C-alpha atoms as a PDB file:
ATOM      1  CA  MET A   1      78.706  82.105 104.281  1.00  0.00           C
ATOM      2  CA  THR A   2      75.399  80.676 103.037  1.00  0.00           C
ATOM      3  CA  ILE A   3      71.960  82.263 102.759  1.00  0.00           C
ATOM      4  CA  GLU A   4      69.213  80.179 104.316  1.00  0.00           C
ATOM      5  CA  PRO A   5      65.531  80.963 103.651  1.00  0.00           C
ATOM      6  CA  VAL A   6      63.393  81.186 106.809  1.00  0.00           C
ATOM      7  CA  THR A   7      59.577  80.893 106.671  1.00  0.00           C
ATOM      8  CA  GLU A   8      57.620  82.527 109.502  1.00  0.00           C
ATOM      9  CA  LEU A   9      53.978  82.562 110.522  1.00  0.00           C
ATOM     10  CA  GLY A  10      52.320  85.965 110.584  1.00  0.00           C
ATOM     11  CA  SER A  11      49.278  87.051 112.592  1.00  0.00           C
ATOM     12  CA  GLY A  12      46.280  84.727 112.202  1.00  0.00           C
ATOM     13  CA  GLY A  13      48.586  81.916 111.052  1.00  0.00           C
ATOM     14  CA  ALA A  14      49.239  83.411 107.601  1.00  0.00           C
ATOM     15  CA  LEU A  15      52.587  82.545 106.045  1.00  0.00           C
ATOM     16  CA  ARG A  16      55.041  85.392 105.531  1.00  0.00           C
ATOM     17  CA  LEU A  17      57.406  85.501 102.573  1.00  0.00           C
ATOM     18  CA  PRO A  18      60.768  83.851 103.284  1.00  0.00           C
ATOM     19  CA  ARG A  19      63.549  86.092 104.525  1.00  0.00           C
ATOM     20  CA  ALA A  20      67.273  85.461 104.209  1.00  0.00           C
ATOM     21  CA  ARG A  21      69.385  84.555 107.227  1.00  0.00           C
ATOM     22  CA  LEU A  22      73.191  84.508 107.047  1.00  0.00           C
ATOM     23  CA  VAL A  23      74.610  81.253 108.341  1.00  0.00           C
ATOM     24  CA  PRO A  24      78.366  80.971 109.084  1.00  0.00           C
ATOM     25  CA  LEU A  25      80.167  78.243 107.160  1.00  0.00           C
ATOM     26  CA  SER A  26      81.685  77.131 110.469  1.00  0.00           C
ATOM     27  CA  ALA A  27      81.399  78.133 114.105  1.00  0.00           C
ATOM     28  CA  PRO A  28      83.399  81.302 114.815  1.00  0.00           C
ATOM     29  CA  PRO A  29      86.501  80.755 116.978  1.00  0.00           C
ATOM     30  CA  ALA A  30      86.519  81.810 120.612  1.00  0.00           C
ATOM     31  CA  SER A  31      89.036  84.641 120.145  1.00  0.00           C
ATOM     32  CA  TYR A  32      90.735  86.858 117.582  1.00  0.00           C
ATOM     33  CA  THR A  33      93.996  84.956 118.108  1.00  0.00           C
ATOM     34  CA  ALA A  34      92.246  81.697 117.280  1.00  0.00           C
ATOM     35  CA  ALA A  35      90.678  83.345 114.216  1.00  0.00           C
ATOM     36  CA  VAL A  36      94.179  84.310 113.031  1.00  0.00           C
ATOM     37  CA  GLU A  37      95.348  80.698 113.317  1.00  0.00           C
ATOM     38  CA  ARG A  38      92.232  79.443 111.519  1.00  0.00           C
ATOM     39  CA  TYR A  39      92.926  81.914 108.714  1.00  0.00           C
ATOM     40  CA  LEU A  40      96.588  80.922 108.355  1.00  0.00           C
ATOM     41  CA  THR A  41      95.685  77.264 107.985  1.00  0.00           C
ATOM     42  CA  GLY A  42      92.332  77.582 106.225  1.00  0.00           C
ATOM     43  CA  ALA A  43      93.463  80.101 103.610  1.00  0.00           C
ATOM     44  CA  GLY A  44      96.475  78.002 102.641  1.00  0.00           C
ATOM     45  CA  ILE A  45      99.121  80.559 103.651  1.00  0.00           C
ATOM     46  CA  ALA A  46     102.567  79.129 102.880  1.00  0.00           C
ATOM     47  CA  LYS A  47     104.663  78.132 105.876  1.00  0.00           C
ATOM     48  CA  SER A  48     107.369  80.554 104.741  1.00  0.00           C
ATOM     49  CA  SER A  49     104.861  83.449 104.866  1.00  0.00           C
ATOM     50  CA  ALA A  50     102.858  82.419 107.948  1.00  0.00           C
ATOM     51  CA  ARG A  51     105.375  83.938 110.391  1.00  0.00           C
ATOM     52  CA  ILE A  52     105.147  87.373 108.803  1.00  0.00           C
ATOM     53  CA  TYR A  53     101.358  87.163 108.556  1.00  0.00           C
ATOM     54  CA  ARG A  54     101.067  86.185 112.225  1.00  0.00           C
ATOM     55  CA  ILE A  55     103.286  89.092 113.350  1.00  0.00           C
ATOM     56  CA  SER A  56     101.304  91.600 111.264  1.00  0.00           C
ATOM     57  CA  LEU A  57      97.924  90.303 112.433  1.00  0.00           C
ATOM     58  CA  THR A  58      99.096  90.357 116.052  1.00  0.00           C
ATOM     59  CA  THR A  59      99.997  94.026 115.561  1.00  0.00           C
ATOM     60  CA  TRP A  60      96.505  94.683 114.214  1.00  0.00           C
ATOM     61  CA  GLY A  61      95.098  92.846 117.235  1.00  0.00           C
ATOM     62  CA  TRP A  62      96.026  95.764 119.480  1.00  0.00           C
ATOM     63  CA  MET A  63      94.620  98.356 117.108  1.00  0.00           C
ATOM     64  CA  LEU A  64      91.375  96.438 116.612  1.00  0.00           C
ATOM     65  CA  THR A  65      90.752  96.897 120.348  1.00  0.00           C
ATOM     66  CA  GLY A  66      91.446 100.630 120.132  1.00  0.00           C
ATOM     67  CA  GLU A  67      94.993 100.419 121.531  1.00  0.00           C
ATOM     68  CA  PRO A  68      98.257 101.463 119.847  1.00  0.00           C
ATOM     69  CA  ALA A  69     100.475  98.512 119.005  1.00  0.00           C
ATOM     70  CA  PRO A  70     103.727  98.373 121.028  1.00  0.00           C
ATOM     71  CA  THR A  71     106.904  99.135 119.097  1.00  0.00           C
ATOM     72  CA  GLY A  72     110.618  98.679 119.704  1.00  0.00           C
ATOM     73  CA  PRO A  73     111.742  96.886 122.890  1.00  0.00           C
ATOM     74  CA  ALA A  74     108.230  97.176 124.360  1.00  0.00           C
ATOM     75  CA  ARG A  75     106.945  94.744 121.732  1.00  0.00           C
ATOM     76  CA  ARG A  76     109.168  91.872 122.812  1.00  0.00           C
ATOM     77  CA  GLY A  77     107.196  89.610 125.112  1.00  0.00           C
ATOM     78  CA  ALA A  78     104.073  91.808 125.005  1.00  0.00           C
ATOM     79  CA  LYS A  79     100.867  89.805 125.213  1.00  0.00           C
ATOM     80  CA  PRO A  80      98.233  90.744 122.604  1.00  0.00           C
ATOM     81  CA  PRO A  81      94.732  91.523 123.895  1.00  0.00           C
ATOM     82  CA  VAL A  82      92.119  88.771 124.034  1.00  0.00           C
ATOM     83  CA  PHE A  83      88.796  89.598 122.354  1.00  0.00           C
ATOM     84  CA  PRO A  84      86.200  87.892 120.151  1.00  0.00           C
ATOM     85  CA  VAL A  85      86.592  88.249 116.401  1.00  0.00           C
ATOM     86  CA  ALA A  86      83.003  89.581 116.267  1.00  0.00           C
ATOM     87  CA  ALA A  87      84.247  92.765 117.991  1.00  0.00           C
ATOM     88  CA  ILE A  88      85.644  93.797 114.599  1.00  0.00           C
ATOM     89  CA  ASP A  89      82.070  94.730 113.653  1.00  0.00           C
ATOM     90  CA  ASP A  90      81.914  97.468 116.326  1.00  0.00           C
ATOM     91  CA  LEU A  91      80.464 100.502 114.493  1.00  0.00           C
ATOM     92  CA  ALA A  92      82.782 102.876 116.361  1.00  0.00           C
ATOM     93  CA  LEU A  93      85.937 100.968 115.387  1.00  0.00           C
ATOM     94  CA  PRO A  94      86.674 102.367 111.875  1.00  0.00           C
ATOM     95  CA  GLU A  95      87.192 105.925 113.133  1.00  0.00           C
ATOM     96  CA  VAL A  96      89.410 104.851 116.033  1.00  0.00           C
ATOM     97  CA  LEU A  97      91.323 102.444 113.813  1.00  0.00           C
ATOM     98  CA  ALA A  98      92.006 105.134 111.212  1.00  0.00           C
ATOM     99  CA  GLU A  99      93.611 107.348 113.874  1.00  0.00           C
ATOM    100  CA  LEU A 100      95.747 104.500 115.235  1.00  0.00           C
ATOM    101  CA  ALA A 101      96.845 103.446 111.740  1.00  0.00           C
ATOM    102  CA  ALA A 102      97.801 107.040 110.863  1.00  0.00           C
ATOM    103  CA  ALA A 103      99.861 107.362 114.048  1.00  0.00           C
ATOM    104  CA  ARG A 104     101.643 104.077 113.325  1.00  0.00           C
ATOM    105  CA  ALA A 105     102.306 105.123 109.737  1.00  0.00           C
ATOM    106  CA  ASP A 106     104.119 108.211 111.050  1.00  0.00           C
ATOM    107  CA  GLU A 107     106.511 105.984 113.009  1.00  0.00           C
ATOM    108  CA  MET A 108     107.095 103.129 110.533  1.00  0.00           C
ATOM    109  CA  ASP A 109     108.373 102.976 106.969  1.00  0.00           C
ATOM    110  CA  ALA A 110     105.781 102.940 104.204  1.00  0.00           C
ATOM    111  CA  ASP A 111     106.649  99.423 102.992  1.00  0.00           C
ATOM    112  CA  THR A 112     105.987  97.919 106.443  1.00  0.00           C
ATOM    113  CA  VAL A 113     102.737  99.859 106.909  1.00  0.00           C
ATOM    114  CA  ASN A 114     101.436  98.876 103.467  1.00  0.00           C
ATOM    115  CA  ARG A 115     102.379  95.222 103.939  1.00  0.00           C
ATOM    116  CA  GLU A 116     100.605  95.064 107.302  1.00  0.00           C
ATOM    117  CA  LEU A 117      97.483  96.715 105.863  1.00  0.00           C
ATOM    118  CA  SER A 118      97.397  94.305 102.934  1.00  0.00           C
ATOM    119  CA  ILE A 119      97.706  91.289 105.252  1.00  0.00           C
ATOM    120  CA  ALA A 120      94.945  92.601 107.548  1.00  0.00           C
ATOM    121  CA  ARG A 121      92.559  93.108 104.625  1.00  0.00           C
ATOM    122  CA  LYS A 122      93.190  89.600 103.285  1.00  0.00           C
ATOM    123  CA  ALA A 123      92.420  88.095 106.693  1.00  0.00           C
ATOM    124  CA  ILE A 124      89.305  90.241 107.183  1.00  0.00           C
ATOM    125  CA  GLY A 125      88.025  89.251 103.743  1.00  0.00           C
ATOM    126  CA  TRP A 126      88.503  85.575 104.600  1.00  0.00           C
ATOM    127  CA  TRP A 127      86.674  85.970 107.949  1.00  0.00           C
ATOM    128  CA  GLN A 128      83.821  87.722 106.120  1.00  0.00           C
ATOM    129  CA  ARG A 129      83.509  84.786 103.738  1.00  0.00           C
ATOM    130  CA  GLN A 130      83.278  82.443 106.725  1.00  0.00           C
ATOM    131  CA  GLY A 131      80.386  84.501 108.080  1.00  0.00           C
ATOM    132  CA  TRP A 132      82.217  85.387 111.321  1.00  0.00           C
ATOM    133  CA  ILE A 133      82.130  89.151 110.709  1.00  0.00           C
ATOM    134  CA  GLU A 134      80.259  91.424 108.327  1.00  0.00           C
ATOM    135  CA  GLY A 135      82.198  94.664 107.994  1.00  0.00           C
ATOM    136  CA  ASP A 136      85.739  95.785 107.209  1.00  0.00           C
ATOM    137  CA  PRO A 137      86.944  98.502 109.618  1.00  0.00           C
ATOM    138  CA  THR A 138      90.031  99.174 107.457  1.00  0.00           C
ATOM    139  CA  ILE A 139      87.926 100.732 104.695  1.00  0.00           C
ATOM    140  CA  GLY A 140      89.068 104.316 104.374  1.00  0.00           C
ATOM    141  CA  ILE A 141      92.647 103.627 105.484  1.00  0.00           C
ATOM    142  CA  GLU A 142      94.859 104.468 102.518  1.00  0.00           C
ATOM    143  CA  ARG A 143      98.161 102.915 101.546  1.00  0.00           C
ATOM    144  CA  ARG A 144     101.144 105.172 102.117  1.00  0.00           C
ATOM    145  CA  PRO A 145     103.208 106.235  99.083  1.00  0.00           C
ATOM    146  CA  ALA A 146     106.589 104.544  99.248  1.00  0.00           C
ATOM    147  CA  PRO A 147     109.340 106.449  97.439  1.00  0.00           C
ATOM    148  CA  PRO A 148     111.715 104.033  95.705  1.00  0.00           C
ATOM    149  CA  ASP A 149     114.966 103.297  97.531  1.00  0.00           C
ATOM    150  CA  ARG A 150     117.788 103.202  94.989  1.00  0.00           C
ATOM    151  CA  THR A 151     120.400 102.115  97.561  1.00  0.00           C
ATOM    152  CA  LYS A 152     119.084  98.674  98.574  1.00  0.00           C
ATOM    153  CA  ALA A 153     121.702  96.800  96.568  1.00  0.00           C
ATOM    154  CA  LEU A 154     124.955  96.577  98.521  1.00  0.00           C
ATOM    155  CA  ALA A 155     128.171  97.438  96.731  1.00  0.00           C
ATOM    156  CA  GLU A 156     130.557  94.582  96.008  1.00  0.00           C
ATOM    157  CA  ASN A 157     133.112  95.882  98.516  1.00  0.00           C
ATOM    158  CA  GLN A 158     130.348  95.895 101.162  1.00  0.00           C
ATOM    159  CA  ILE A 159     129.577  92.246 100.408  1.00  0.00           C
ATOM    160  CA  THR A 160     133.299  91.452 100.714  1.00  0.00           C
ATOM    161  CA  ALA A 161     133.437  93.244 104.069  1.00  0.00           C
ATOM    162  CA  LEU A 162     130.413  91.244 105.233  1.00  0.00           C
ATOM    163  CA  TRP A 163     132.243  87.955 104.642  1.00  0.00           C
ATOM    164  CA  ARG A 164     135.125  89.194 106.814  1.00  0.00           C
ATOM    165  CA  LEU A 165     132.948  89.668 109.903  1.00  0.00           C
ATOM    166  CA  ASP A 166     133.758  87.409 112.844  1.00  0.00           C
ATOM    167  CA  VAL A 167     130.401  85.691 113.321  1.00  0.00           C
ATOM    168  CA  ALA A 168     129.141  82.199 114.162  1.00  0.00           C
ATOM    169  CA  LEU A 169     129.082  79.401 111.580  1.00  0.00           C
ATOM    170  CA  ARG A 170     125.268  79.537 111.495  1.00  0.00           C
ATOM    171  CA  GLU A 171     125.290  83.194 110.416  1.00  0.00           C
ATOM    172  CA  LYS A 172     128.129  82.691 107.901  1.00  0.00           C
ATOM    173  CA  THR A 173     126.212  79.857 106.234  1.00  0.00           C
ATOM    174  CA  GLN A 174     122.859  81.608 106.304  1.00  0.00           C
ATOM    175  CA  TRP A 175     124.181  84.866 104.824  1.00  0.00           C
ATOM    176  CA  LYS A 176     126.191  83.069 102.143  1.00  0.00           C
ATOM    177  CA  MET A 177     123.167  81.009 101.152  1.00  0.00           C
ATOM    178  CA  LEU A 178     120.920  84.078 100.983  1.00  0.00           C
ATOM    179  CA  TYR A 179     123.342  85.937  98.713  1.00  0.00           C
ATOM    180  CA  GLU A 180     124.384  83.032  96.503  1.00  0.00           C
ATOM    181  CA  SER A 181     120.829  81.735  96.025  1.00  0.00           C
ATOM    182  CA  ALA A 182     119.066  85.148  95.876  1.00  0.00           C
ATOM    183  CA  ALA A 183     116.309  83.474  97.916  1.00  0.00           C
ATOM    184  CA  ARG A 184     113.956  85.182 100.356  1.00  0.00           C
ATOM    185  CA  ALA A 185     115.029  85.015 103.987  1.00  0.00           C
ATOM    186  CA  ASP A 186     111.824  83.342 105.183  1.00  0.00           C
ATOM    187  CA  GLU A 187     112.216  80.623 102.535  1.00  0.00           C
ATOM    188  CA  VAL A 188     115.768  79.806 103.630  1.00  0.00           C
ATOM    189  CA  LEU A 189     114.878  79.818 107.328  1.00  0.00           C
ATOM    190  CA  CYS A 190     112.129  77.257 106.634  1.00  0.00           C
ATOM    191  CA  LEU A 191     114.604  74.803 105.074  1.00  0.00           C
ATOM    192  CA  ASN A 192     115.018  71.405 106.709  1.00  0.00           C
ATOM    193  CA  VAL A 193     118.107  69.218 106.434  1.00  0.00           C
ATOM    194  CA  GLU A 194     116.125  66.667 104.418  1.00  0.00           C
ATOM    195  CA  ASP A 195     115.280  69.392 101.855  1.00  0.00           C
ATOM    196  CA  LEU A 196     118.925  69.726 100.812  1.00  0.00           C
ATOM    197  CA  CYS A 197     120.721  68.142  97.852  1.00  0.00           C
ATOM    198  CA  PRO A 198     124.321  69.067  98.769  1.00  0.00           C
ATOM    199  CA  GLN A 199     125.868  67.226  95.828  1.00  0.00           C
ATOM    200  CA  ASP A 200     123.803  69.352  93.430  1.00  0.00           C
ATOM    201  CA  LYS A 201     124.172  72.561  95.479  1.00  0.00           C
ATOM    202  CA  ARG A 202     120.449  73.093  95.719  1.00  0.00           C
ATOM    203  CA  GLY A 203     117.539  72.868  98.145  1.00  0.00           C
ATOM    204  CA  ARG A 204     113.763  72.454  97.965  1.00  0.00           C
ATOM    205  CA  ILE A 205     111.789  75.376  99.422  1.00  0.00           C
ATOM    206  CA  THR A 206     108.138  76.345  99.797  1.00  0.00           C
ATOM    207  CA  ALA A 207     107.742  79.638  97.924  1.00  0.00           C
ATOM    208  CA  LYS A 208     105.032  82.284  97.957  1.00  0.00           C
ATOM    209  CA  GLY A 209     101.649  80.783  97.252  1.00  0.00           C
ATOM    210  CA  GLY A 210     102.761  77.381  98.569  1.00  0.00           C
ATOM    211  CA  ALA A 211     104.575  76.238  95.412  1.00  0.00           C
ATOM    212  CA  THR A 212     107.522  73.860  95.857  1.00  0.00           C
ATOM    213  CA  GLU A 213     110.612  75.187  94.088  1.00  0.00           C
ATOM    214  CA  TRP A 214     114.385  74.852  94.047  1.00  0.00           C
ATOM    215  CA  ILE A 215     117.035  77.344  95.129  1.00  0.00           C
ATOM    216  CA  HIS A 216     120.662  76.966  94.050  1.00  0.00           C
ATOM    217  CA  TRP A 217     123.865  78.036  95.774  1.00  0.00           C
ATOM    218  CA  GLN A 218     127.579  78.161  95.027  1.00  0.00           C
ATOM    219  CA  SER A 219     130.812  76.862  96.531  1.00  0.00           C
ATOM    220  CA  GLY A 220     130.859  79.287  99.457  1.00  0.00           C
ATOM    221  CA  THR A 221     127.668  77.799 100.886  1.00  0.00           C
ATOM    222  CA  ALA A 222     128.624  74.263  99.856  1.00  0.00           C
ATOM    223  CA  GLN A 223     131.842  74.425 101.901  1.00  0.00           C
ATOM    224  CA  LEU A 224     130.046  75.614 105.052  1.00  0.00           C
ATOM    225  CA  LEU A 225     126.988  73.336 105.014  1.00  0.00           C
ATOM    226  CA  PRO A 226     128.659  70.069 106.144  1.00  0.00           C
ATOM    227  CA  ARG A 227     130.024  71.767 109.269  1.00  0.00           C
ATOM    228  CA  LEU A 228     126.645  73.339 110.038  1.00  0.00           C
ATOM    229  CA  ILE A 229     124.685  70.099 109.544  1.00  0.00           C
ATOM    230  CA  ALA A 230     127.186  68.068 111.594  1.00  0.00           C
ATOM    231  CA  ARG A 231     125.784  64.656 110.599  1.00  0.00           C
ATOM    232  CA  ARG A 232     122.167  65.577 111.268  1.00  0.00           C
ATOM    233  CA  THR A 233     119.764  63.900 108.861  1.00  0.00           C
ATOM    234  CA  ARG A 234     116.530  65.770 109.559  1.00  0.00           C
ATOM    235  CA  GLY A 235     115.011  68.769 111.272  1.00  0.00           C
ATOM    236  CA  PRO A 236     115.391  72.542 110.743  1.00  0.00           C
ATOM    237  CA  LEU A 237     118.614  73.585 109.030  1.00  0.00           C
ATOM    238  CA  PHE A 238     119.145  76.778 111.044  1.00  0.00           C
ATOM    239  CA  LEU A 239     118.724  76.239 114.785  1.00  0.00           C
ATOM    240  CA  THR A 240     118.663  78.397 117.897  1.00  0.00           C
ATOM    241  CA  ASP A 241     121.420  78.033 120.484  1.00  0.00           C
ATOM    242  CA  ARG A 242     119.028  76.750 123.145  1.00  0.00           C
ATOM    243  CA  LYS A 243     116.597  73.901 123.578  1.00  0.00           C
ATOM    244  CA  ALA A 244     113.151  74.412 122.077  1.00  0.00           C
ATOM    245  CA  PRO A 245     110.656  75.673 124.677  1.00  0.00           C
ATOM    246  CA  ALA A 246     107.667  73.568 125.618  1.00  0.00           C
ATOM    247  CA  GLY A 247     104.878  73.823 123.090  1.00  0.00           C
ATOM    248  CA  THR A 248     107.162  74.374 120.071  1.00  0.00           C
ATOM    249  CA  PRO A 249     105.525  72.806 116.974  1.00  0.00           C
ATOM    250  CA  THR A 250     107.120  69.524 115.961  1.00  0.00           C
ATOM    251  CA  LEU A 251     108.073  70.939 112.544  1.00  0.00           C
ATOM    252  CA  ASP A 252     110.064  73.718 114.230  1.00  0.00           C
ATOM    253  CA  ALA A 253     112.068  71.507 116.610  1.00  0.00           C
ATOM    254  CA  CYS A 254     115.077  69.370 115.746  1.00  0.00           C
ATOM    255  CA  PRO A 255     114.407  65.732 116.735  1.00  0.00           C
ATOM    256  CA  GLU A 256     118.140  65.074 117.074  1.00  0.00           C
ATOM    257  CA  THR A 257     119.334  68.095 119.104  1.00  0.00           C
ATOM    258  CA  GLY A 258     116.107  69.302 120.715  1.00  0.00           C
ATOM    259  CA  ARG A 259     116.804  72.864 119.558  1.00  0.00           C
ATOM    260  CA  ALA A 260     114.260  75.095 117.816  1.00  0.00           C
ATOM    261  CA  ARG A 261     114.192  76.566 114.329  1.00  0.00           C
ATOM    262  CA  LEU A 262     115.779  80.022 114.140  1.00  0.00           C
ATOM    263  CA  SER A 263     113.016  82.599 113.750  1.00  0.00           C
ATOM    264  CA  TYR A 264     112.961  85.303 111.080  1.00  0.00           C
ATOM    265  CA  ARG A 265     112.823  88.000 113.756  1.00  0.00           C
ATOM    266  CA  ARG A 266     115.928  86.712 115.544  1.00  0.00           C
ATOM    267  CA  ALA A 267     117.838  86.179 112.285  1.00  0.00           C
ATOM    268  CA  GLU A 268     116.989  89.757 111.240  1.00  0.00           C
ATOM    269  CA  GLU A 269     118.105  91.129 114.617  1.00  0.00           C
ATOM    270  CA  ILE A 270     121.469  89.335 114.434  1.00  0.00           C
ATOM    271  CA  PHE A 271     122.153  90.555 110.900  1.00  0.00           C
ATOM    272  CA  GLU A 272     121.134  94.131 111.709  1.00  0.00           C
ATOM    273  CA  GLU A 273     123.293  94.254 114.853  1.00  0.00           C
ATOM    274  CA  ASN A 274     126.380  92.848 113.116  1.00  0.00           C
ATOM    275  CA  THR A 275     126.176  95.196 110.116  1.00  0.00           C
ATOM    276  CA  ARG A 276     125.737  98.511 111.924  1.00  0.00           C
ATOM    277  CA  LEU A 277     129.337  99.641 111.448  1.00  0.00           C
ATOM    278  CA  LEU A 278     129.401  98.396 107.852  1.00  0.00           C
ATOM    279  CA  ALA A 279     126.282 100.426 107.125  1.00  0.00           C
ATOM    280  CA  ASN A 280     127.757 103.500 108.848  1.00  0.00           C
ATOM    281  CA  PRO A 281     131.487 103.457 107.992  1.00  0.00           C
ATOM    282  CA  LEU A 282     132.124 106.973 109.326  1.00  0.00           C
ATOM    283  CA  ALA A 283     130.453 106.355 112.681  1.00  0.00           C
ATOM    284  CA  SER A 284     132.336 105.782 115.918  1.00  0.00           C
ATOM    285  CA  PRO A 285     132.158 102.253 117.358  1.00  0.00           C
ATOM    286  CA  ASP A 286     131.127 103.897 120.638  1.00  0.00           C
ATOM    287  CA  ALA A 287     127.842 104.954 119.008  1.00  0.00           C
ATOM    288  CA  ILE A 288     126.939 101.472 117.759  1.00  0.00           C
ATOM    289  CA  GLU A 289     123.797 101.250 119.907  1.00  0.00           C
ATOM    290  CA  ASP A 290     122.317 104.263 118.104  1.00  0.00           C
ATOM    291  CA  LEU A 291     123.062 102.980 114.589  1.00  0.00           C
ATOM    292  CA  ASN A 292     120.946 100.973 112.168  1.00  0.00           C
ATOM    293  CA  GLY A 293     122.342  98.038 110.209  1.00  0.00           C
ATOM    294  CA  TRP A 294     121.209  96.269 107.049  1.00  0.00           C
ATOM    295  CA  THR A 295     118.185  94.025 106.516  1.00  0.00           C
ATOM    296  CA  LEU A 296     118.421  90.425 105.305  1.00  0.00           C
ATOM    297  CA  HIS A 297     116.384  91.277 102.193  1.00  0.00           C
ATOM    298  CA  ARG A 298     119.282  93.386 100.927  1.00  0.00           C
ATOM    299  CA  LEU A 299     121.281  90.203 100.289  1.00  0.00           C
ATOM    300  CA  ARG A 300     118.644  89.000  97.813  1.00  0.00           C
ATOM    301  CA  HIS A 301     118.388  92.459  96.282  1.00  0.00           C
ATOM    302  CA  SER A 302     122.185  92.690  95.929  1.00  0.00           C
ATOM    303  CA  ALA A 303     122.542  89.249  94.355  1.00  0.00           C
ATOM    304  CA  LEU A 304     119.979  89.979  91.643  1.00  0.00           C
ATOM    305  CA  THR A 305     121.387  93.449  90.985  1.00  0.00           C
ATOM    306  CA  HIS A 306     124.929  92.082  90.617  1.00  0.00           C
ATOM    307  CA  ASP A 307     123.617  89.382  88.262  1.00  0.00           C
ATOM    308  CA  ALA A 308     121.974  92.075  86.120  1.00  0.00           C
ATOM    309  CA  GLU A 309     125.208  94.093  86.049  1.00  0.00           C
ATOM    310  CA  ASP A 310     127.009  90.997  84.774  1.00  0.00           C
ATOM    311  CA  ASP A 311     124.613  90.875  81.784  1.00  0.00           C
ATOM    312  CA  THR A 312     122.587  87.914  83.040  1.00  0.00           C
ATOM    313  CA  SER A 313     119.654  87.384  80.676  1.00  0.00           C
ATOM    314  CA  THR A 314     116.135  88.365  81.703  1.00  0.00           C
ATOM    315  CA  PRO A 315     114.825  84.755  81.564  1.00  0.00           C
ATOM    316  CA  MET A 316     117.616  83.651  83.895  1.00  0.00           C
ATOM    317  CA  LEU A 317     116.975  86.571  86.275  1.00  0.00           C
ATOM    318  CA  LEU A 318     113.304  85.614  86.371  1.00  0.00           C
ATOM    319  CA  ALA A 319     114.261  82.012  87.134  1.00  0.00           C
ATOM    320  CA  ARG A 320     116.717  83.083  89.848  1.00  0.00           C
ATOM    321  CA  SER A 321     114.315  85.519  91.483  1.00  0.00           C
ATOM    322  CA  ARG A 322     111.241  83.308  90.856  1.00  0.00           C
ATOM    323  CA  HIS A 323     109.210  86.383  89.969  1.00  0.00           C
ATOM    324  CA  ALA A 324     106.176  85.907  87.774  1.00  0.00           C
ATOM    325  CA  SER A 325     106.663  89.070  85.709  1.00  0.00           C
ATOM    326  CA  VAL A 326     109.427  91.257  84.352  1.00  0.00           C
ATOM    327  CA  ARG A 327     107.811  94.264  86.033  1.00  0.00           C
ATOM    328  CA  SER A 328     108.409  92.718  89.465  1.00  0.00           C
ATOM    329  CA  LEU A 329     112.037  92.242  88.498  1.00  0.00           C
ATOM    330  CA  GLU A 330     112.623  95.842  87.398  1.00  0.00           C
ATOM    331  CA  ARG A 331     113.613  97.160  90.824  1.00  0.00           C
ATOM    332  CA  TYR A 332     116.457  94.610  90.976  1.00  0.00           C
ATOM    333  CA  ALA A 333     117.700  94.823  87.388  1.00  0.00           C
ATOM    334  CA  ARG A 334     119.141  98.277  87.897  1.00  0.00           C
ATOM    335  CA  PRO A 335     122.899  99.079  87.852  1.00  0.00           C
ATOM    336  CA  GLY A 336     124.263  99.506  91.377  1.00  0.00           C
ATOM    337  CA  VAL A 337     126.623 102.094  92.789  1.00  0.00           C
ATOM    338  CA  ASP A 338     129.806 100.219  91.789  1.00  0.00           C
ATOM    339  CA  SER A 339     128.613  99.744  88.234  1.00  0.00           C
ATOM    340  CA  VAL A 340     127.710 103.420  87.856  1.00  0.00           C
ATOM    341  CA  ALA A 341     131.031 104.456  89.431  1.00  0.00           C
ATOM    342  CA  ARG A 342     132.978 102.327  86.930  1.00  0.00           C
ATOM    343  CA  HIS A 343     130.952 103.764  84.066  1.00  0.00           C
ATOM    344  CA  VAL A 344     131.730 107.332  85.143  1.00  0.00           C
ATOM    345  CA  ALA A 345     135.431 106.572  85.804  1.00  0.00           C
ATOM    346  CA  GLU A 346     135.898 104.928  82.402  1.00  0.00           C
ATOM    347  CA  ARG A 347     134.607 108.116  80.769  1.00  0.00           C
ATOM    348  CA  ASP A 348     136.684 110.510  82.874  1.00  0.00           C
ATOM    349  CA  PRO A 349     138.710 112.684  80.381  1.00  0.00           C
ATOM    350  CA  ALA A 350     141.609 112.934  82.829  1.00  0.00           C
ATOM    351  CA  ALA A 351     141.810 109.156  83.175  1.00  0.00           C
ATOM    352  CA  ARG A 352     141.768 108.765  79.403  1.00  0.00           C
ATOM    353  CA  ARG A 353     144.719 111.152  79.023  1.00  0.00           C
ATOM    354  CA  ARG A 354     146.740 109.195  81.622  1.00  0.00           C
ATOM    355  CA  THR A 355     146.205 105.998  79.694  1.00  0.00           C
END
């Protein structure tokens, strides 16, 4: 946004003092949806993060029109409302938005709510700097306290059970790569075949902030990759089972098979559905539809926790996790349930007497 002085003639032809007029840096887009796309490209959001940003901003699209965002099955296929980005400056919106955000926060976990709020505020700040809007209707909406979850790291026997599941080659390879590399799920799903160096067991990814970095895997992934690639030389590594629909971006379609890149949402759904009984070992298989499975992020969390338990040095953990600070690493470098159980068992007086 620039400030342009405007000189006006007063009564009798006298010159008035210049006043400031706000001039947008560029013409505002025709709709909120278009403004979201302009933000994702103009603000330099990494490709690996753009999917999550788009989903969050679509959710806010409903609330910015005074409607609750659909959740659960109702969200799939729901069309977001069409409205101009300038509608965000409606003076009545902040109060309505606060009520909608509070209601959503009661239904969702604190981490999701806080992430969505942070993404919305970044986008709104960028639109303000373009001169498309003036206000921020999220002012007054507070972040929700998120109690730490000490159970995110899976136990080693749970990881072993995961490898025994009867799933497709795509899922076996993806899950192995996530655990062995300790990479973020969105980074791995954005991999292309040409990004891989199979002989070195590593791949080039676009990390948070747009930096190009390497992830490294082990023999489990290395043995599965040739079968998954099947002589392809380019295109997305992880593909859907069907042909890419019309309008799919070129970067997200395989030029050799015509299939589309597997989305984060679908990959998360498949993992959650297949791990429901592992996450609820005492539950009846008949109740599987009412159970909740694991999230893909827990593979990264587990890998880093198991590394820490094996006395991996802090510099190496930082390199593996690609965190910028030790503080960010603290939630991973914590002994897991197996490690604590061994510690307690080794100090059991009865066990000592038997030995």
